[in-house]
C-alpha atoms as a PDB file:
ATOM      1  CA  MET A   1     102.757 130.540  69.857  1.00  0.00           C
ATOM      2  CA  ASN A   2     100.193 130.173  66.920  1.00  0.00           C
ATOM      3  CA  HIS A   3      96.463 130.287  67.190  1.00  0.00           C
ATOM      4  CA  GLU A   4      96.167 126.511  67.315  1.00  0.00           C
ATOM      5  CA  GLY A   5      98.757 126.330  70.041  1.00  0.00           C
ATOM      6  CA  PHE A   6      96.936 128.912  72.016  1.00  0.00           C
ATOM      7  CA  PHE A   7      93.720 126.919  72.111  1.00  0.00           C
ATOM      8  CA  THR A   8      95.660 123.758  72.718  1.00  0.00           C
ATOM      9  CA  HIS A   9      97.242 125.236  75.828  1.00  0.00           C
ATOM     10  CA  ILE A  10      93.803 126.572  77.000  1.00  0.00           C
ATOM     11  CA  ASN A  11      92.135 123.226  76.618  1.00  0.00           C
ATOM     12  CA  GLU A  12      94.783 121.640  78.774  1.00  0.00           C
ATOM     13  CA  ILE A  13      93.978 123.939  81.787  1.00  0.00           C
ATOM     14  CA  PRO A  14      91.941 121.871  84.369  1.00  0.00           C
ATOM     15  CA  ILE A  15      88.339 123.215  84.831  1.00  0.00           C
ATOM     16  CA  ILE A  16      88.317 122.250  88.478  1.00  0.00           C
ATOM     17  CA  ASN A  17      91.286 123.431  90.464  1.00  0.00           C
ATOM     18  CA  SER A  18      92.466 121.990  93.813  1.00  0.00           C
ATOM     19  CA  PRO A  19      92.481 124.048  96.934  1.00  0.00           C
ATOM     20  CA  ASP A  20      96.369 124.207  96.528  1.00  0.00           C
ATOM     21  CA  VAL A  21      95.741 126.660  93.648  1.00  0.00           C
ATOM     22  CA  PHE A  22      94.112 129.085  96.013  1.00  0.00           C
ATOM     23  CA  GLY A  23      96.715 128.667  98.769  1.00  0.00           C
ATOM     24  CA  LEU A  24      94.379 126.426 100.823  1.00  0.00           C
ATOM     25  CA  HIS A  25      94.988 123.082 102.610  1.00  0.00           C
ATOM     26  CA  GLY A  26      93.400 119.967 101.038  1.00  0.00           C
ATOM     27  CA  ASN A  27      90.973 119.725 103.979  1.00  0.00           C
ATOM     28  CA  ALA A  28      89.555 122.953 102.846  1.00  0.00           C
ATOM     29  CA  GLU A  29      87.810 121.062 100.025  1.00  0.00           C
ATOM     30  CA  ILE A  30      86.299 118.565 102.434  1.00  0.00           C
ATOM     31  CA  THR A  31      84.993 121.463 104.647  1.00  0.00           C
ATOM     32  CA  TYR A  32      83.499 123.238 101.585  1.00  0.00           C
ATOM     33  CA  TYR A  33      81.570 120.061 100.518  1.00  0.00           C
ATOM     34  CA  THR A  34      80.500 119.331 104.105  1.00  0.00           C
ATOM     35  CA  ASN A  35      79.147 122.898 104.429  1.00  0.00           C
ATOM     36  CA  GLY A  36      77.327 122.551 101.149  1.00  0.00           C
ATOM     37  CA  ALA A  37      75.661 119.430 102.281  1.00  0.00           C
ATOM     38  CA  LYS A  38      74.644 120.959 105.590  1.00  0.00           C
ATOM     39  CA  MET A  39      73.246 123.952 103.754  1.00  0.00           C
ATOM     40  CA  LEU A  40      71.159 121.714 101.414  1.00  0.00           C
ATOM     41  CA  TRP A  41      69.581 119.824 104.334  1.00  0.00           C
ATOM     42  CA  ASN A  42      69.035 123.032 106.297  1.00  0.00           C
ATOM     43  CA  ASN A  43      67.245 124.498 103.314  1.00  0.00           C
ATOM     44  CA  LEU A  44      65.124 121.384 102.857  1.00  0.00           C
ATOM     45  CA  ILE A  45      64.116 121.494 106.563  1.00  0.00           C
ATOM     46  CA  SER A  46      63.239 125.114 106.368  1.00  0.00           C
ATOM     47  CA  MET A  47      60.887 124.541 103.317  1.00  0.00           C
ATOM     48  CA  GLN A  48      58.870 121.936 105.279  1.00  0.00           C
ATOM     49  CA  ALA A  49      55.146 122.446 105.471  1.00  0.00           C
ATOM     50  CA  SER A  50      53.923 123.667 108.806  1.00  0.00           C
ATOM     51  CA  ASP A  51      51.728 121.590 111.064  1.00  0.00           C
ATOM     52  CA  THR A  52      49.855 124.717 112.069  1.00  0.00           C
ATOM     53  CA  ALA A  53      48.276 125.103 108.647  1.00  0.00           C
ATOM     54  CA  GLY A  54      44.781 124.150 107.691  1.00  0.00           C
ATOM     55  CA  ASP A  55      43.520 120.605 107.574  1.00  0.00           C
ATOM     56  CA  SER A  56      44.483 120.181 103.958  1.00  0.00           C
ATOM     57  CA  ALA A  57      48.147 120.920 104.517  1.00  0.00           C
ATOM     58  CA  VAL A  58      50.681 118.107 104.594  1.00  0.00           C
ATOM     59  CA  ASN A  59      52.259 117.520 107.968  1.00  0.00           C
ATOM     60  CA  LYS A  60      56.000 117.655 108.294  1.00  0.00           C
ATOM     61  CA  ASP A  61      56.681 113.899 108.457  1.00  0.00           C
ATOM     62  CA  GLU A  62      54.798 113.187 105.204  1.00  0.00           C
ATOM     63  CA  TYR A  63      56.538 116.132 103.426  1.00  0.00           C
ATOM     64  CA  VAL A  64      59.983 114.892 104.478  1.00  0.00           C
ATOM     65  CA  TYR A  65      59.114 111.374 103.576  1.00  0.00           C
ATOM     66  CA  LYS A  66      57.961 112.483 100.092  1.00  0.00           C
ATOM     67  CA  VAL A  67      61.195 114.526  99.466  1.00  0.00           C
ATOM     68  CA  ALA A  68      63.391 111.779 100.826  1.00  0.00           C
ATOM     69  CA  SER A  69      61.556 109.195  98.630  1.00  0.00           C
ATOM     70  CA  ASP A  70      62.042 111.399  95.706  1.00  0.00           C
ATOM     71  CA  ILE A  71      65.731 111.828  96.293  1.00  0.00           C
ATOM     72  CA  GLN A  72      66.132 108.056  96.839  1.00  0.00           C
ATOM     73  CA  GLU A  73      64.393 107.337  93.570  1.00  0.00           C
ATOM     74  CA  ARG A  74      67.029 109.583  91.831  1.00  0.00           C
ATOM     75  CA  ILE A  75      70.020 107.949  93.287  1.00  0.00           C
ATOM     76  CA  PRO A  76      72.017 105.915  90.773  1.00  0.00           C
ATOM     77  CA  VAL A  77      72.653 102.185  91.275  1.00  0.00           C
ATOM     78  CA  GLU A  78      75.609 101.426  93.556  1.00  0.00           C
ATOM     79  CA  PHE A  79      78.965 100.824  91.827  1.00  0.00           C
ATOM     80  CA  ASP A  80      82.199  98.893  92.703  1.00  0.00           C
ATOM     81  CA  VAL A  81      84.273 101.480  94.795  1.00  0.00           C
ATOM     82  CA  LEU A  82      87.450  99.269  94.433  1.00  0.00           C
ATOM     83  CA  LYS A  83      87.131  99.179  90.546  1.00  0.00           C
ATOM     84  CA  LEU A  84      86.543 102.850  90.411  1.00  0.00           C
ATOM     85  CA  ARG A  85      89.576 103.720  92.503  1.00  0.00           C
ATOM     86  CA  LYS A  86      91.735 101.574  90.215  1.00  0.00           C
ATOM     87  CA  GLU A  87      90.302 103.519  87.245  1.00  0.00           C
ATOM     88  CA  LEU A  88      90.944 106.928  88.903  1.00  0.00           C
ATOM     89  CA  GLY A  89      94.719 106.147  89.273  1.00  0.00           C
ATOM     90  CA  VAL A  90      97.183 106.622  92.050  1.00  0.00           C
ATOM     91  CA  GLU A  91      96.571 110.380  93.178  1.00  0.00           C
ATOM     92  CA  ILE A  92      93.183 110.875  94.739  1.00  0.00           C
ATOM     93  CA  SER A  93      92.161 114.244  96.009  1.00  0.00           C
ATOM     94  CA  PRO A  94      90.259 114.803  99.254  1.00  0.00           C
ATOM     95  CA  SER A  95      86.944 115.468  97.475  1.00  0.00           C
ATOM     96  CA  THR A  96      87.325 112.250  95.639  1.00  0.00           C
ATOM     97  CA  VAL A  97      87.731 110.462  98.878  1.00  0.00           C
ATOM     98  CA  VAL A  98      84.604 112.074 100.181  1.00  0.00           C
ATOM     99  CA  LEU A  99      82.678 111.196  97.110  1.00  0.00           C
ATOM    100  CA  LEU A 100      83.842 107.664  97.066  1.00  0.00           C
END
């Protein structure tokens, strides 16, 4: 194989691999993303301001509302799921199902 063929072959290797590559079941991917979401929300809750702080501290409800509002502002507009599924093709991975 020449130099150009070598780089062509490397560029064809997928960046993101399915769980099958690592000998895992497809549901392992769903579990991974579920655990990641749980960790995200647990960390968010642990960073909340305390109600026992001084009078100038923001209470927990206000802090959570502020963070949730910030997240909601960053969410992109909704899209047509059926149209997107058609664009993705026939084979849909477990993570794609979760993300859809």
